[in-house]
Amino acid sequence: MTSTNHDDEPTTGGARASAGTGDGGRRRGWAVTSEGGQELAARGEVSPLSFLREAGAVLRLSEADVAAMAEQVSADETMIINMGPQHPSTHGVLRLMLELQGEMVLRSKPVIGYLHTGMEKTAEELTYLQGATNVTRMDYASPFFNELVFSLATEALLEVEIPPRATWIRVLLSELNRMSSHFLFLATNGMDLGAVSMMLYGWRERELLLDFYEKVTGLRMNHNFIRPGGVAADLPPGWRDDVLRILDALPPALEDYDILMTGQPIWRERTQGVGVITAEEAMALGATGPILRSTGVPWDLRRSMPYLTYDELEFDVVVGTYGDTFDRYAIRLNEIRESMKIVRQVLDRIPPGDYRVQDKKVTPPPRGRIDQSMEALIHHFKIFTEGFRVPEGEVYVAVESPRGELGCYLVSDGSARPYRLHIRGPSFVNLQTLPHMLRGGLVADAVAIISSVDPIMGEVDR
């Protein structure tokens, strides 16, 4: 962390960053960074309108409430510090500016954009077949969901019907990915709060799932496996036994987590009543996923707006009561158990058949036919060089990712490339809950609260 005086310009914690502005810093060759209006201004420099915006104008606070908050301390009793951008405790390249009075956080502001890659603009230069290679890298902890939502949006414009086996394969991979994402959360959440052994255990269980992904797709991450029209290939021989071995290995591990953390007094003291958000605040701020469900709102798109085959499956929507850090942890832990329940049902119900649409205009021919048929060779060449054309139109499709509502807004102009792509990333929306969770808490709890949001910065900055 680096701190500033009120007359100084806040800086990042870089190796050669200066805490002050002016000629002194420049003479020494030190870098001074500024994100302009995105930064948290000193209390004495904030206008009532800006303070209302920081406090959450969407929450319909009265002017009297905001005035009371602004006047609770004088500017000379507070200090603004930077937390990040650094990867370990801010879960990516996230910078938080905190206004502290002693150990208490009065105001905070997430500063984003350090990882921006322009993926939505890049999508306009890629064919629909190439699009999955781009979006899969947004939320790199749950890449199958990015591929799924893009494929569903493309298929909605194409008005094609996916074979049942392809749909069930998508459910299988989505729920396994939900589990591996939550294991990553449990690992990093434990480490953030000092339960270092949890990092090892969570990583260990996640490895079982990543090994299976590698067997199915050839890669551990960024798979480009769920594609418009179905999936890239059928499941490999022995996949069912592999999944059963994973499902048999996980219950004892989850029981160990309950012993190590859920029932542990220190863990409870660090998480219960920390980072509280109400249902009204969460809904006003557009929060979804475990953050919203921790407040007692049972909103899960798999149940509320079913897609794929979720309306045919038996599982519970896990909700909390208090909207605190402990609830968000417990929801993710128990969602792993619910996903295991879903995967067992998929094993029983997955049908034989095609793994992708048998439409020559959308899916390439089988590899074996390319050596035998000139027509197949030409078809393969045209699909992978020119792509397939998608009828004009626009569509919004959403799925329930491990972090909440992951939406894809897709516009087609009738060509082989999207005219416009916009991703509604849950990490981006959920980040705006941080100032409300942090307000009035201790700076020592900031890392625990950030961790409970479970942001993936690749999805935030896109």
Protein backbone atom coordinates (compact mmCIF):
# COMPACT_ATOMS: atom_id res chain seq x y z
CA MET A 1 0.00 0.00 0.00
CA THR A 2 1.11 3.58 -0.56
CA SER A 3 -0.36 6.60 1.18
CA THR A 4 -0.68 10.24 0.23
CA ASN A 5 -1.24 13.52 1.97
CA HIS A 6 -4.27 15.51 0.90
CA ASP A 7 -2.12 17.95 -1.07
CA ASP A 8 -0.44 15.11 -2.94
CA GLU A 9 -1.65 13.08 -5.89
CA PRO A 10 -2.49 9.46 -5.10
CA THR A 11 -0.14 7.01 -6.78
CA THR A 12 0.03 3.32 -7.45
CA GLY A 13 2.34 1.04 -5.55
CA GLY A 14 4.77 0.62 -8.46
CA ALA A 15 8.47 0.04 -7.90
CA ARG A 16 9.33 3.59 -8.91
CA ALA A 17 6.22 5.49 -7.87
CA SER A 18 6.45 8.71 -5.92
CA ALA A 19 3.97 9.57 -3.17
CA GLY A 20 4.09 13.22 -4.13
CA THR A 21 3.75 15.29 -7.27
CA GLY A 22 5.76 18.25 -8.36
CA ASP A 23 9.28 18.74 -9.66
CA GLY A 24 10.88 16.65 -6.95
CA GLY A 25 9.39 13.43 -8.21
CA ARG A 26 10.17 14.26 -11.84
CA ARG A 27 13.77 15.26 -11.07
CA ARG A 28 14.35 11.86 -9.49
CA GLY A 29 12.87 10.14 -12.56
CA TRP A 30 10.04 8.56 -10.60
CA ALA A 31 6.72 7.81 -12.27
CA VAL A 32 3.55 9.47 -11.03
CA THR A 33 0.31 7.98 -12.28
CA SER A 34 -3.16 9.46 -12.24
CA GLU A 35 -6.49 8.01 -13.35
CA GLY A 36 -8.19 11.41 -13.23
CA GLY A 37 -11.85 11.40 -12.28
CA GLN A 38 -11.74 7.69 -11.51
CA GLU A 39 -9.66 8.35 -8.40
CA LEU A 40 -10.99 9.03 -4.92
CA ALA A 41 -10.71 12.74 -4.18
CA ALA A 42 -9.92 14.17 -0.77
CA ARG A 43 -12.98 14.79 1.38
CA GLY A 44 -12.63 18.57 1.27
CA GLU A 45 -12.57 18.57 -2.54
CA VAL A 46 -15.69 16.45 -3.11
CA SER A 47 -18.86 18.21 -4.23
CA PRO A 48 -22.21 17.13 -2.74
CA LEU A 49 -23.20 15.62 -6.10
CA SER A 50 -19.96 13.63 -6.33
CA PHE A 51 -20.33 12.47 -2.75
CA LEU A 52 -23.88 11.32 -3.50
CA ARG A 53 -22.56 9.37 -6.47
CA GLU A 54 -19.82 7.76 -4.36
CA ALA A 55 -22.27 6.89 -1.61
CA GLY A 56 -24.52 5.21 -4.15
CA ALA A 57 -27.06 7.49 -5.77
CA VAL A 58 -28.83 4.40 -7.08
CA LEU A 59 -29.77 3.59 -3.48
CA ARG A 60 -32.02 6.66 -3.40
CA LEU A 61 -30.27 8.24 -0.44
CA SER A 62 -31.71 11.54 0.70
CA GLU A 63 -29.62 14.70 0.59
CA ALA A 64 -29.76 14.80 4.38
CA ASP A 65 -28.29 11.27 4.60
CA VAL A 66 -25.47 12.21 2.28
CA ALA A 67 -24.79 15.47 4.11
CA ALA A 68 -24.58 13.58 7.40
CA MET A 69 -22.11 11.12 5.90
CA ALA A 70 -19.99 13.91 4.42
CA GLU A 71 -19.81 15.82 7.72
CA GLN A 72 -19.17 12.91 10.07
CA VAL A 73 -15.43 13.71 10.14
CA SER A 74 -13.25 16.61 9.08
CA ALA A 75 -10.80 16.24 6.21
CA ASP A 76 -7.72 16.59 8.43
CA GLU A 77 -8.72 13.47 10.42
CA THR A 78 -8.59 11.14 7.44
CA MET A 79 -5.98 9.64 5.13
CA ILE A 80 -6.37 8.28 1.59
CA ILE A 81 -4.30 5.22 0.73
CA ASN A 82 -3.92 2.97 -2.29
CA MET A 83 -4.49 -0.75 -2.00
CA GLY A 84 -3.05 -2.30 -5.14
CA PRO A 85 -2.95 -2.70 -8.03
CA GLN A 86 -1.25 -5.93 -7.11
CA HIS A 87 -2.40 -9.40 -7.96
CA PRO A 88 -2.34 -11.51 -4.76
CA SER A 89 -4.73 -9.75 -2.40
CA THR A 90 -6.81 -7.81 -4.92
CA HIS A 91 -7.56 -10.84 -7.09
CA GLY A 92 -6.13 -9.33 -10.21
CA VAL A 93 -4.99 -5.89 -11.29
CA LEU A 94 -7.54 -4.04 -9.15
CA ARG A 95 -6.72 -0.78 -7.41
CA LEU A 96 -8.75 0.29 -4.40
CA MET A 97 -8.53 3.77 -2.95
CA LEU A 98 -9.53 3.85 0.69
CA GLU A 99 -10.24 6.86 2.91
CA LEU A 100 -9.36 5.86 6.44
CA GLN A 101 -9.99 7.33 9.84
CA GLY A 102 -7.56 5.35 11.91
CA GLU A 103 -8.35 1.71 11.12
CA MET A 104 -11.88 2.41 9.86
CA VAL A 105 -12.79 2.68 6.18
CA LEU A 106 -14.98 5.74 5.55
CA ARG A 107 -15.02 5.75 1.76
CA SER A 108 -13.58 3.58 -0.97
CA LYS A 109 -13.44 3.49 -4.73
CA PRO A 110 -12.41 0.69 -7.09
CA VAL A 111 -10.15 1.92 -9.90
CA ILE A 112 -10.17 -0.41 -12.91
CA GLY A 113 -8.81 -0.55 -16.44
CA TYR A 114 -5.24 -1.75 -15.86
CA LEU A 115 -5.91 -5.04 -17.66
CA HIS A 116 -8.04 -3.71 -20.53
CA THR A 117 -7.63 -5.85 -23.67
CA GLY A 118 -10.43 -4.63 -25.94
CA MET A 119 -11.98 -8.06 -26.41
CA GLU A 120 -15.41 -6.71 -27.34
CA LYS A 121 -13.89 -4.62 -30.15
CA THR A 122 -11.69 -7.51 -31.20
CA ALA A 123 -14.84 -9.62 -31.65
CA GLU A 124 -15.87 -7.41 -34.56
CA GLU A 125 -12.82 -8.57 -36.51
CA LEU A 126 -13.31 -12.29 -35.83
CA THR A 127 -15.76 -14.67 -37.48
CA TYR A 128 -18.43 -16.30 -35.35
CA LEU A 129 -16.44 -19.53 -35.44
CA GLN A 130 -13.36 -17.68 -34.15
CA GLY A 131 -15.38 -15.77 -31.54
CA ALA A 132 -15.19 -18.47 -28.88
CA THR A 133 -11.37 -18.23 -28.85
CA ASN A 134 -11.78 -14.57 -27.86
CA VAL A 135 -14.53 -14.67 -25.23
CA THR A 136 -13.17 -17.75 -23.45
CA ARG A 137 -10.34 -15.58 -22.09
CA MET A 138 -12.57 -13.04 -20.37
CA ASP A 139 -13.38 -14.96 -17.19
CA TYR A 140 -10.44 -17.33 -17.32
CA ALA A 141 -11.59 -19.13 -14.16
CA SER A 142 -14.84 -20.22 -15.85
CA PRO A 143 -14.11 -20.20 -19.60
CA PHE A 144 -16.86 -22.67 -20.56
CA PHE A 145 -19.52 -20.16 -19.49
CA ASN A 146 -18.08 -17.46 -21.77
CA GLU A 147 -18.08 -19.86 -24.71
CA LEU A 148 -21.59 -21.03 -23.83
CA VAL A 149 -23.23 -17.60 -23.67
CA PHE A 150 -21.60 -16.51 -26.94
CA SER A 151 -22.66 -19.74 -28.66
CA LEU A 152 -26.24 -19.47 -27.37
CA ALA A 153 -26.49 -15.89 -28.66
CA THR A 154 -25.13 -16.88 -32.08
CA GLU A 155 -27.49 -19.86 -32.27
CA ALA A 156 -30.45 -17.67 -31.37
CA LEU A 157 -29.70 -15.49 -34.39
CA LEU A 158 -29.11 -18.54 -36.60
CA GLU A 159 -32.32 -20.15 -35.30
CA VAL A 160 -30.68 -23.57 -35.25
CA GLU A 161 -31.65 -26.39 -32.91
CA ILE A 162 -28.79 -28.04 -31.05
CA PRO A 163 -28.71 -31.86 -30.81
CA PRO A 164 -29.73 -33.14 -27.33
CA ARG A 165 -26.33 -34.74 -26.68
CA ALA A 166 -24.54 -31.45 -27.35
CA THR A 167 -26.89 -29.69 -24.92
CA TRP A 168 -26.24 -32.23 -22.16
CA ILE A 169 -22.48 -32.05 -22.75
CA ARG A 170 -22.74 -28.29 -22.26
CA VAL A 171 -24.56 -28.80 -18.94
CA LEU A 172 -21.91 -31.29 -17.81
CA LEU A 173 -19.00 -28.97 -18.62
CA SER A 174 -20.76 -25.93 -17.14
CA GLU A 175 -21.37 -27.58 -13.78
CA LEU A 176 -17.88 -29.07 -13.60
CA ASN A 177 -16.56 -25.58 -14.38
CA ARG A 178 -18.75 -24.09 -11.66
CA MET A 179 -17.13 -26.50 -9.24
CA SER A 180 -13.56 -25.74 -10.33
CA SER A 181 -14.25 -21.98 -10.16
CA HIS A 182 -15.61 -22.29 -6.64
CA PHE A 183 -12.61 -24.42 -5.63
CA LEU A 184 -10.38 -21.60 -6.84
CA PHE A 185 -12.43 -19.18 -4.73
CA LEU A 186 -12.14 -21.40 -1.65
CA ALA A 187 -8.38 -21.68 -2.15
CA THR A 188 -7.75 -17.96 -2.54
CA ASN A 189 -10.36 -16.97 0.04
CA GLY A 190 -8.62 -19.19 2.58
CA MET A 191 -5.20 -17.77 1.77
CA ASP A 192 -6.49 -14.19 1.95
CA LEU A 193 -7.67 -14.77 5.51
CA GLY A 194 -4.55 -16.64 6.62
CA ALA A 195 -5.72 -20.25 6.18
CA VAL A 196 -2.72 -21.04 3.98
CA SER A 197 -3.34 -24.78 3.92
CA MET A 198 -6.71 -24.11 2.27
CA MET A 199 -4.84 -22.78 -0.75
CA LEU A 200 -3.18 -26.15 -1.18
CA TYR A 201 -6.37 -28.16 -0.66
CA GLY A 202 -8.53 -26.04 -2.96
CA TRP A 203 -5.87 -26.18 -5.67
CA ARG A 204 -5.62 -29.96 -5.24
CA GLU A 205 -9.33 -30.54 -5.87
CA ARG A 206 -9.36 -28.07 -8.76
CA GLU A 207 -6.56 -30.02 -10.42
CA LEU A 208 -8.80 -33.10 -10.64
CA LEU A 209 -11.25 -31.09 -12.74
CA LEU A 210 -8.62 -29.38 -14.88
CA ASP A 211 -7.10 -32.77 -15.70
CA PHE A 212 -10.52 -33.86 -16.97
CA TYR A 213 -10.87 -30.68 -19.05
CA GLU A 214 -7.50 -31.40 -20.62
CA LYS A 215 -8.62 -34.91 -21.55
CA VAL A 216 -11.84 -33.61 -23.12
CA THR A 217 -10.66 -30.41 -24.83
CA GLY A 218 -6.88 -30.70 -24.99
CA LEU A 219 -6.42 -27.66 -22.72
CA ARG A 220 -6.72 -26.82 -19.03
CA MET A 221 -8.05 -23.30 -19.71
CA ASN A 222 -9.30 -21.21 -22.66
CA HIS A 223 -10.73 -24.26 -24.34
CA ASN A 224 -12.61 -23.03 -27.45
CA PHE A 225 -14.66 -26.22 -27.03
CA ILE A 226 -18.26 -24.98 -26.79
CA ARG A 227 -18.88 -23.48 -30.22
CA PRO A 228 -21.86 -22.20 -32.20
CA GLY A 229 -23.67 -25.34 -33.35
CA GLY A 230 -22.65 -27.63 -30.49
CA VAL A 231 -19.24 -28.63 -29.16
CA ALA A 232 -15.90 -29.20 -30.89
CA ALA A 233 -15.77 -32.98 -30.35
CA ASP A 234 -17.55 -35.80 -28.60
CA LEU A 235 -16.55 -36.83 -25.09
CA PRO A 236 -13.50 -39.16 -25.08
CA PRO A 237 -13.60 -42.87 -24.20
CA GLY A 238 -13.70 -43.45 -20.43
CA TRP A 239 -15.08 -39.98 -19.65
CA ARG A 240 -17.89 -41.38 -17.49
CA ASP A 241 -15.48 -43.27 -15.20
CA ASP A 242 -13.30 -40.16 -14.94
CA VAL A 243 -16.26 -38.05 -13.79
CA LEU A 244 -17.37 -40.69 -11.28
CA ARG A 245 -13.86 -40.79 -9.80
CA ILE A 246 -13.97 -37.01 -9.35
CA LEU A 247 -17.44 -37.14 -7.74
CA ASP A 248 -16.31 -39.88 -5.33
CA ALA A 249 -13.16 -37.97 -4.33
CA LEU A 250 -14.80 -34.62 -3.52
CA PRO A 251 -17.24 -35.30 -0.60
CA PRO A 252 -14.46 -36.14 1.93
CA ALA A 253 -12.57 -33.01 0.84
CA LEU A 254 -15.66 -30.82 1.35
CA GLU A 255 -16.11 -32.29 4.84
CA ASP A 256 -12.50 -31.37 5.58
CA TYR A 257 -13.23 -27.80 4.46
CA ASP A 258 -16.11 -27.63 6.93
CA ILE A 259 -13.76 -28.71 9.72
CA LEU A 260 -10.95 -26.41 8.61
CA MET A 261 -13.04 -23.30 8.04
CA THR A 262 -16.83 -23.44 8.47
CA GLY A 263 -16.75 -24.47 12.12
CA GLN A 264 -13.49 -22.74 12.97
CA PRO A 265 -13.93 -19.90 15.52
CA ILE A 266 -11.24 -17.65 14.02
CA TRP A 267 -12.71 -18.09 10.54
CA ARG A 268 -16.17 -17.15 11.79
CA GLU A 269 -14.90 -14.07 13.60
CA ARG A 270 -13.16 -12.89 10.42
CA THR A 271 -16.22 -13.42 8.19
CA GLN A 272 -19.48 -13.22 10.16
CA GLY A 273 -20.97 -9.71 10.17
CA VAL A 274 -18.17 -8.51 7.88
CA GLY A 275 -18.96 -6.83 4.56
CA VAL A 276 -22.73 -6.84 5.03
CA ILE A 277 -25.01 -5.84 2.15
CA THR A 278 -28.80 -5.86 2.20
CA ALA A 279 -31.10 -7.34 -0.43
CA GLU A 280 -32.34 -3.85 -1.36
CA GLU A 281 -28.78 -2.57 -1.86
CA ALA A 282 -27.72 -5.62 -3.84
CA MET A 283 -30.69 -5.38 -6.20
CA ALA A 284 -30.34 -1.61 -6.61
CA LEU A 285 -26.69 -2.07 -7.57
CA GLY A 286 -27.44 -4.88 -10.03
CA ALA A 287 -25.52 -7.52 -8.08
CA THR A 288 -26.17 -11.14 -8.99
CA GLY A 289 -24.82 -14.56 -8.12
CA PRO A 290 -23.64 -15.44 -4.59
CA ILE A 291 -23.65 -11.75 -3.57
CA LEU A 292 -27.38 -11.38 -4.22
CA ARG A 293 -28.25 -14.86 -2.96
CA SER A 294 -26.33 -14.19 0.28
CA THR A 295 -29.02 -11.62 1.14
CA GLY A 296 -31.78 -14.25 0.89
CA VAL A 297 -32.92 -13.54 -2.68
CA PRO A 298 -33.21 -16.91 -4.51
CA TRP A 299 -32.30 -15.51 -7.95
CA ASP A 300 -30.51 -18.11 -10.08
CA LEU A 301 -31.00 -18.02 -13.85
CA ARG A 302 -30.92 -21.82 -13.98
CA ARG A 303 -34.20 -21.74 -12.03
CA SER A 304 -35.56 -18.23 -12.66
CA MET A 305 -35.02 -18.21 -16.45
CA PRO A 306 -34.08 -21.81 -17.36
CA TYR A 307 -31.84 -22.55 -20.34
CA LEU A 308 -30.25 -25.75 -21.70
CA THR A 309 -31.92 -28.58 -19.72
CA TYR A 310 -31.89 -27.06 -16.23
CA ASP A 311 -35.68 -27.14 -16.01
CA GLU A 312 -35.44 -30.96 -16.14
CA LEU A 313 -32.91 -31.25 -13.30
CA GLU A 314 -33.31 -31.45 -9.54
CA PHE A 315 -31.12 -29.09 -7.51
CA ASP A 316 -31.50 -26.46 -4.81
CA VAL A 317 -30.74 -22.74 -5.07
CA VAL A 318 -28.48 -22.02 -2.10
CA VAL A 319 -29.26 -18.74 -0.30
CA GLY A 320 -27.94 -16.94 2.76
CA THR A 321 -29.55 -14.78 5.42
CA TYR A 322 -27.23 -11.99 6.52
CA GLY A 323 -25.51 -10.92 3.30
CA ASP A 324 -22.08 -11.07 4.91
CA THR A 325 -18.72 -12.54 3.92
CA PHE A 326 -19.48 -15.84 5.67
CA ASP A 327 -22.73 -16.28 3.74
CA ARG A 328 -20.95 -15.72 0.44
CA TYR A 329 -18.33 -18.31 1.39
CA ALA A 330 -20.92 -20.86 2.54
CA ILE A 331 -23.02 -20.43 -0.61
CA ARG A 332 -20.11 -21.25 -2.89
CA LEU A 333 -19.11 -24.23 -0.77
CA ASN A 334 -22.62 -25.67 -0.92
CA GLU A 335 -23.06 -24.85 -4.60
CA ILE A 336 -20.27 -27.33 -5.26
CA ARG A 337 -22.44 -30.01 -3.64
CA GLU A 338 -25.43 -28.97 -5.76
CA SER A 339 -23.34 -29.08 -8.93
CA MET A 340 -22.23 -32.59 -8.02
CA LYS A 341 -25.91 -33.50 -7.76
CA ILE A 342 -26.53 -32.09 -11.24
CA VAL A 343 -23.53 -33.89 -12.75
CA ARG A 344 -24.76 -37.26 -11.44
CA GLN A 345 -28.11 -36.62 -13.13
CA VAL A 346 -26.33 -35.75 -16.38
CA LEU A 347 -24.45 -39.06 -16.25
CA ASP A 348 -27.77 -40.90 -16.04
CA ARG A 349 -29.57 -38.91 -18.72
CA ILE A 350 -27.06 -37.91 -21.40
CA PRO A 351 -28.30 -39.40 -24.69
CA PRO A 352 -26.31 -40.78 -27.65
CA GLY A 353 -26.30 -38.89 -30.94
CA ASP A 354 -24.58 -35.98 -32.64
CA TYR A 355 -22.40 -33.56 -30.69
CA ARG A 356 -23.00 -30.73 -33.15
CA VAL A 357 -25.50 -29.52 -35.73
CA GLN A 358 -25.30 -31.41 -39.01
CA ASP A 359 -25.65 -28.27 -41.10
CA LYS A 360 -22.95 -27.86 -43.76
CA LYS A 361 -23.33 -24.09 -43.65
CA VAL A 362 -22.52 -23.91 -39.92
CA THR A 363 -20.30 -26.84 -38.96
CA PRO A 364 -17.20 -28.05 -40.81
CA PRO A 365 -17.14 -31.56 -42.32
CA PRO A 366 -15.55 -34.45 -40.40
CA ARG A 367 -11.78 -34.63 -40.74
CA GLY A 368 -11.97 -38.01 -42.43
CA ARG A 369 -14.04 -36.66 -45.33
CA ILE A 370 -11.59 -33.90 -46.17
CA ASP A 371 -9.16 -36.43 -47.71
CA GLN A 372 -11.94 -38.11 -49.67
CA SER A 373 -14.14 -35.31 -50.99
CA MET A 374 -13.18 -32.13 -52.83
CA GLU A 375 -16.55 -30.65 -51.83
CA ALA A 376 -15.78 -31.32 -48.16
CA LEU A 377 -12.32 -29.76 -48.55
CA ILE A 378 -13.77 -26.60 -50.10
CA HIS A 379 -16.44 -26.43 -47.41
CA HIS A 380 -13.84 -26.78 -44.66
CA PHE A 381 -11.69 -24.08 -46.26
CA LYS A 382 -14.54 -21.58 -46.64
CA ILE A 383 -15.86 -22.04 -43.07
CA PHE A 384 -12.44 -21.52 -41.48
CA THR A 385 -11.38 -18.64 -43.72
CA GLU A 386 -14.62 -16.76 -44.42
CA GLY A 387 -16.86 -18.09 -41.65
CA PHE A 388 -20.61 -18.57 -41.88
CA ARG A 389 -23.09 -15.74 -42.30
CA VAL A 390 -25.55 -14.95 -39.52
CA PRO A 391 -28.93 -13.33 -40.32
CA GLU A 392 -29.37 -9.68 -39.38
CA GLY A 393 -30.73 -9.04 -35.90
CA GLU A 394 -29.83 -8.50 -32.28
CA VAL A 395 -30.20 -10.71 -29.24
CA TYR A 396 -29.39 -10.81 -25.52
CA VAL A 397 -28.77 -14.15 -23.85
CA ALA A 398 -27.76 -14.71 -20.22
CA VAL A 399 -26.49 -17.69 -18.24
CA GLU A 400 -25.74 -18.21 -14.54
CA SER A 401 -21.96 -18.15 -14.22
CA PRO A 402 -20.21 -18.84 -10.88
CA ARG A 403 -20.19 -15.06 -10.31
CA GLY A 404 -23.73 -14.23 -11.41
CA GLU A 405 -25.54 -13.20 -14.56
CA LEU A 406 -23.22 -13.46 -17.54
CA GLY A 407 -24.94 -11.87 -20.52
CA CYS A 408 -24.08 -11.56 -24.19
CA TYR A 409 -25.59 -8.82 -26.36
CA LEU A 410 -24.90 -9.65 -29.99
CA VAL A 411 -25.75 -7.63 -33.11
CA SER A 412 -25.45 -9.11 -36.62
CA ASP A 413 -25.48 -7.16 -39.86
CA GLY A 414 -25.81 -10.31 -41.96
CA SER A 415 -22.07 -10.82 -42.44
CA ALA A 416 -19.76 -13.52 -41.06
CA ARG A 417 -18.55 -11.24 -38.25
CA PRO A 418 -20.51 -9.63 -35.38
CA TYR A 419 -21.40 -5.98 -35.92
CA ARG A 420 -21.36 -5.48 -32.13
CA LEU A 421 -20.62 -7.64 -29.10
CA HIS A 422 -21.09 -6.59 -25.50
CA ILE A 423 -20.62 -8.86 -22.51
CA ARG A 424 -22.49 -8.19 -19.27
CA GLY A 425 -19.73 -9.39 -16.96
CA PRO A 426 -20.95 -10.13 -13.41
CA SER A 427 -17.53 -9.29 -11.93
CA PHE A 428 -17.74 -5.78 -13.40
CA VAL A 429 -21.22 -5.14 -12.00
CA ASN A 430 -20.54 -6.80 -8.66
CA LEU A 431 -17.47 -4.62 -8.03
CA GLN A 432 -19.69 -1.59 -7.38
CA THR A 433 -20.95 -3.30 -4.22
CA LEU A 434 -17.47 -2.97 -2.67
CA PRO A 435 -17.82 0.63 -1.37
CA HIS A 436 -21.03 -0.35 0.45
CA MET A 437 -19.52 -3.48 1.97
CA LEU A 438 -16.32 -1.74 3.02
CA ARG A 439 -17.91 1.38 4.55
CA GLY A 440 -17.63 1.39 8.34
CA GLY A 441 -15.42 -1.71 8.43
CA LEU A 442 -11.79 -2.15 9.35
CA VAL A 443 -9.01 -1.94 6.81
CA ALA A 444 -7.92 -5.41 7.97
CA ASP A 445 -11.23 -6.77 6.67
CA ALA A 446 -10.86 -5.20 3.22
CA VAL A 447 -9.05 -8.21 1.72
CA ALA A 448 -11.67 -10.61 3.11
CA ILE A 449 -14.48 -8.53 1.57
CA ILE A 450 -12.76 -8.24 -1.83
CA SER A 451 -12.24 -12.00 -1.81
CA SER A 452 -15.91 -12.61 -1.01
CA VAL A 453 -16.91 -10.75 -4.19
CA ASP A 454 -14.69 -13.19 -6.16
CA PRO A 455 -13.90 -10.78 -9.01
CA ILE A 456 -12.03 -11.87 -12.12
CA MET A 457 -10.35 -8.82 -13.57
CA GLY A 458 -10.19 -10.22 -17.09
CA GLU A 459 -13.98 -10.06 -17.06
CA VAL A 460 -14.03 -6.58 -15.51
CA ASP A 461 -11.68 -4.92 -18.01
CA ARG A 462 -12.48 -7.11 -21.06
